[in-house]
Amino acid sequence: MTAAGSVLDHAPVLPVVVVEDAADAVPLARALVAGGLPAIEVTLRTAAALDAIRAVAEEVPEAVVGAGTVVSARGVADAVGAGARFLVSPGWTGGLLDAMEASGVPFLPGVSTASEVVALLERGVRDLKFFPAEAAGGTAYLRSLAGPLPQARFCPTGGITAASAPSYLGLPNVGCVGGTWMLPGDALAARDWARVEFLAREASALRGRTFR
C-alpha cells in the first residue's frame, strides 16, 4: 500500500464508528466530514454495518468510508462490495492479509509486537494499525519501534482519548490515531449530530500541531 493511498494521510484522527441503526450512518458521516474528519471506519460489529457503509458510500461522496474489525476473507469481500474504500483489521493472518492485498483498496493490518511488524514489512506492508494501543504499551512502545523499524507507520487505536492523542501524534512513526471520543454514547443516542461535528472539529484541529 503506497503512502498516496494510505488512510493515515487523510486526517490526524480516524473515527471508529459502531453503527447500530443504518439510518444514522449518513447524518453521522456528514457531521464527521463537516468537522474535518473525512475518513471514517465503520466496524463490522453490528448487523447494520454493511448497510451503513453502503449508505455512506452512496450518499456522502466526500467521506472516505472504510470497514473495521475485518477478520476474514469473507469480511473483506463483503466490505468492499458494500463500498468500503479501506480496510482495518485488529490483527492478521496470512490468509487475511492475502485477501486484503487482493481487494484493491488500502488496508491497515493490526499489530502489537515487533515480530508482527517485521513480518509485514517483509510482505511490503508499511502502514499498520497498532492495537490495542494503550494495553500494548502505548507511546513508549511505539517510540521504541521507531529506531529499529523507521519504515513502519502506525494508526494506534484502543484506549486513546482527546487528552492522550497529542502524545501519540507527536511520534515520528504515527500517521494518525483511531478513536471514539468524538462519538460519545449520549450524543449518538440523542442523534446530536451538531455535537459530533463540534467534537470532530476539535479533533481535526490536531493536524499540524507539534507535540514532540
Protein backbone atom coordinates (compact mmCIF):
# COMPACT_ATOMS: atom_id res chain seq x y z
CA MET A 1 0.00 0.00 0.00
CA THR A 2 1.56 3.26 -1.05
CA ALA A 3 1.58 6.40 1.04
CA ALA A 4 -0.62 8.12 -1.55
CA GLY A 5 -3.32 5.57 -0.95
CA SER A 6 -2.97 5.47 2.81
CA VAL A 7 -5.74 6.16 5.24
CA LEU A 8 -3.05 7.55 7.55
CA ASP A 9 -2.87 10.71 5.47
CA HIS A 10 -6.47 11.91 5.48
CA ALA A 11 -6.69 13.47 8.95
CA PRO A 12 -4.98 13.25 12.35
CA VAL A 13 -7.85 11.21 13.75
CA LEU A 14 -9.72 8.24 12.31
CA PRO A 15 -13.16 7.96 13.94
CA VAL A 16 -14.03 4.37 14.83
CA VAL A 17 -17.79 4.08 14.44
CA VAL A 18 -20.14 1.37 15.67
CA VAL A 19 -23.47 1.78 13.85
CA GLU A 20 -26.50 0.12 15.43
CA ASP A 21 -29.07 1.71 13.08
CA ALA A 22 -28.12 2.14 9.43
CA ALA A 23 -30.43 5.17 9.23
CA ASP A 24 -27.95 7.04 11.43
CA ALA A 25 -24.99 6.41 9.15
CA VAL A 26 -25.47 9.25 6.67
CA PRO A 27 -26.11 12.10 9.15
CA LEU A 28 -23.29 10.81 11.34
CA ALA A 29 -20.88 10.71 8.40
CA ARG A 30 -21.92 14.19 7.30
CA ALA A 31 -21.24 15.51 10.80
CA LEU A 32 -17.78 13.95 10.89
CA VAL A 33 -16.91 15.24 7.42
CA ALA A 34 -18.16 18.73 8.29
CA GLY A 35 -15.91 18.59 11.35
CA GLY A 36 -12.89 17.83 9.23
CA LEU A 37 -12.65 14.05 9.64
CA PRO A 38 -13.39 12.62 6.17
CA ALA A 39 -12.01 9.10 6.75
CA ILE A 40 -14.49 7.03 8.75
CA GLU A 41 -14.01 3.47 9.95
CA VAL A 42 -17.31 1.63 10.34
CA THR A 43 -16.70 -1.51 12.36
CA LEU A 44 -18.19 -4.80 11.23
CA ARG A 45 -19.54 -5.50 14.70
CA THR A 46 -23.23 -4.99 14.07
CA ALA A 47 -25.87 -6.26 11.68
CA ALA A 48 -26.24 -2.71 10.35
CA ALA A 49 -22.57 -2.22 9.47
CA LEU A 50 -22.62 -3.20 5.79
CA ASP A 51 -25.79 -1.23 5.12
CA ALA A 52 -24.20 1.74 6.87
CA ILE A 53 -21.09 1.53 4.70
CA ARG A 54 -23.24 1.24 1.59
CA ALA A 55 -25.34 4.27 2.54
CA VAL A 56 -22.34 6.46 3.28
CA ALA A 57 -20.59 5.39 0.08
CA GLU A 58 -23.66 6.26 -1.96
CA GLU A 59 -24.88 9.41 -0.20
CA VAL A 60 -21.78 11.07 1.29
CA PRO A 61 -19.24 11.06 -1.55
CA GLU A 62 -16.96 13.47 0.29
CA ALA A 63 -16.45 10.83 3.00
CA VAL A 64 -13.80 8.11 2.72
CA VAL A 65 -15.68 5.28 4.34
CA GLY A 66 -13.91 2.11 5.35
CA ALA A 67 -14.57 -1.08 7.25
CA GLY A 68 -13.02 -2.01 10.57
CA THR A 69 -12.90 -5.23 12.58
CA VAL A 70 -12.26 -7.11 9.34
CA VAL A 71 -11.21 -10.61 10.41
CA SER A 72 -11.91 -12.88 7.41
CA ALA A 73 -11.70 -13.06 3.65
CA ARG A 74 -15.50 -13.03 3.57
CA GLY A 75 -15.47 -9.82 5.59
CA VAL A 76 -13.07 -8.28 3.08
CA ALA A 77 -15.31 -9.20 0.16
CA ASP A 78 -18.50 -8.03 1.87
CA ALA A 79 -16.98 -4.72 2.93
CA VAL A 80 -15.52 -3.88 -0.47
CA GLY A 81 -18.76 -4.97 -2.11
CA ALA A 82 -20.64 -2.52 0.11
CA GLY A 83 -18.36 0.32 -0.97
CA ALA A 84 -15.61 0.35 1.65
CA ARG A 85 -12.61 2.32 0.42
CA PHE A 86 -10.20 0.96 3.01
CA LEU A 87 -9.98 -1.95 5.44
CA VAL A 88 -8.77 -2.19 9.04
CA SER A 89 -8.17 -5.38 11.00
CA PRO A 90 -7.41 -5.85 14.71
CA GLY A 91 -4.81 -8.48 13.79
CA TRP A 92 -3.79 -10.55 10.80
CA THR A 93 -3.10 -14.00 9.41
CA GLY A 94 -1.55 -14.99 6.11
CA GLY A 95 -4.95 -15.71 4.61
CA LEU A 96 -6.49 -12.44 5.78
CA LEU A 97 -3.51 -10.47 4.52
CA ASP A 98 -3.77 -12.17 1.12
CA ALA A 99 -7.44 -11.21 0.91
CA MET A 100 -6.79 -7.61 1.90
CA GLU A 101 -3.95 -7.30 -0.59
CA ALA A 102 -6.16 -8.72 -3.34
CA SER A 103 -9.03 -6.35 -2.51
CA GLY A 104 -7.52 -3.41 -4.37
CA VAL A 105 -8.15 -0.95 -1.53
CA PRO A 106 -5.76 0.38 1.14
CA PHE A 107 -5.65 -1.57 4.38
CA LEU A 108 -4.25 -1.41 7.90
CA PRO A 109 -3.49 -4.80 9.44
CA GLY A 110 -3.33 -4.80 13.21
CA VAL A 111 -0.11 -5.48 15.11
CA SER A 112 1.00 -5.41 18.73
CA THR A 113 4.53 -6.87 18.60
CA ALA A 114 7.81 -6.10 16.84
CA SER A 115 7.79 -9.56 15.24
CA GLU A 116 4.43 -8.86 13.60
CA VAL A 117 5.75 -5.56 12.26
CA VAL A 118 8.84 -7.24 10.80
CA ALA A 119 6.72 -9.97 9.18
CA LEU A 120 4.52 -7.36 7.50
CA LEU A 121 7.48 -5.31 6.36
CA GLU A 122 8.75 -8.47 4.66
CA ARG A 123 5.46 -8.53 2.76
CA GLY A 124 5.88 -4.89 1.74
CA VAL A 125 3.20 -3.59 4.12
CA ARG A 126 4.32 -0.45 5.91
CA ASP A 127 1.10 1.17 7.13
CA LEU A 128 -0.22 -0.62 10.20
CA LYS A 129 -2.75 -0.41 12.99
CA PHE A 130 -1.21 -0.64 16.48
CA PHE A 131 -3.84 -2.33 18.62
CA PRO A 132 -4.77 -2.31 21.44
CA ALA A 133 -2.60 0.77 21.76
CA GLU A 134 -2.80 1.60 25.45
CA ALA A 135 -2.83 -2.01 26.63
CA ALA A 136 0.03 -2.98 24.30
CA GLY A 137 2.49 -0.38 25.56
CA GLY A 138 1.24 2.97 24.31
CA THR A 139 3.56 5.74 23.22
CA ALA A 140 6.60 4.23 24.96
CA TYR A 141 6.32 1.06 22.88
CA LEU A 142 5.79 2.89 19.60
CA ARG A 143 8.72 5.20 20.34
CA SER A 144 10.93 2.15 20.90
CA LEU A 145 9.95 0.77 17.47
CA ALA A 146 10.83 3.97 15.61
CA GLY A 147 14.57 3.40 15.87
CA PRO A 148 14.94 -0.14 14.50
CA LEU A 149 11.84 -0.06 12.26
CA PRO A 150 11.56 3.52 10.96
CA GLN A 151 9.86 2.42 7.73
CA ALA A 152 6.72 1.33 9.61
CA ARG A 153 3.92 3.86 10.17
CA PHE A 154 1.07 3.36 12.58
CA CYS A 155 -2.51 4.25 13.41
CA PRO A 156 -2.61 3.46 17.13
CA THR A 157 -6.12 2.58 18.27
CA GLY A 158 -7.56 1.35 21.55
CA GLY A 159 -7.98 3.42 24.69
CA ILE A 160 -6.86 6.70 23.11
CA THR A 161 -8.61 9.85 24.28
CA ALA A 162 -8.62 13.51 23.36
CA ALA A 163 -6.10 14.05 26.17
CA SER A 164 -3.69 11.28 25.12
CA ALA A 165 -3.95 11.70 21.33
CA PRO A 166 -1.38 14.53 21.15
CA SER A 167 1.36 12.38 22.69
CA TYR A 168 0.77 9.74 20.01
CA LEU A 169 0.61 12.26 17.17
CA GLY A 170 3.96 13.66 18.28
CA LEU A 171 5.72 10.41 17.44
CA PRO A 172 7.58 10.25 14.12
CA ASN A 173 6.09 6.87 13.21
CA VAL A 174 2.44 7.77 13.83
CA GLY A 175 0.35 8.99 10.91
CA CYS A 176 -2.98 9.26 12.70
CA VAL A 177 -4.80 7.81 15.70
CA GLY A 178 -8.06 5.91 15.86
CA GLY A 179 -10.60 6.91 18.46
CA THR A 180 -14.18 7.22 19.57
CA TRP A 181 -14.12 10.25 21.85
CA MET A 182 -15.82 12.43 19.23
CA LEU A 183 -18.69 9.92 19.26
CA PRO A 184 -19.97 9.94 22.85
CA GLY A 185 -22.76 7.48 23.51
CA ASP A 186 -25.23 10.07 24.77
CA ALA A 187 -24.75 12.21 21.66
CA LEU A 188 -25.32 9.22 19.38
CA ALA A 189 -28.39 8.13 21.33
CA ALA A 190 -29.83 11.64 21.05
CA ARG A 191 -28.74 11.91 17.41
CA ASP A 192 -26.98 15.14 18.36
CA TRP A 193 -25.04 15.50 15.15
CA ALA A 194 -24.12 19.10 15.94
CA ARG A 195 -22.20 17.93 18.99
CA VAL A 196 -20.48 15.22 16.96
CA GLU A 197 -19.45 17.83 14.41
CA PHE A 198 -18.09 20.09 17.16
CA LEU A 199 -16.03 17.30 18.70
CA ALA A 200 -14.81 16.21 15.26
CA ARG A 201 -13.67 19.75 14.54
CA GLU A 202 -11.70 19.79 17.77
CA ALA A 203 -10.05 16.50 16.80
CA SER A 204 -9.26 17.65 13.28
CA ALA A 205 -7.55 20.75 14.70
CA LEU A 206 -4.78 18.48 15.99
CA ARG A 207 -3.40 18.44 12.46
CA GLY A 208 -0.18 20.36 12.03
CA ARG A 209 0.49 20.91 15.71
CA THR A 210 3.85 19.88 17.17
CA PHE A 211 3.87 17.70 20.27
CA ARG A 212 7.47 16.44 20.37
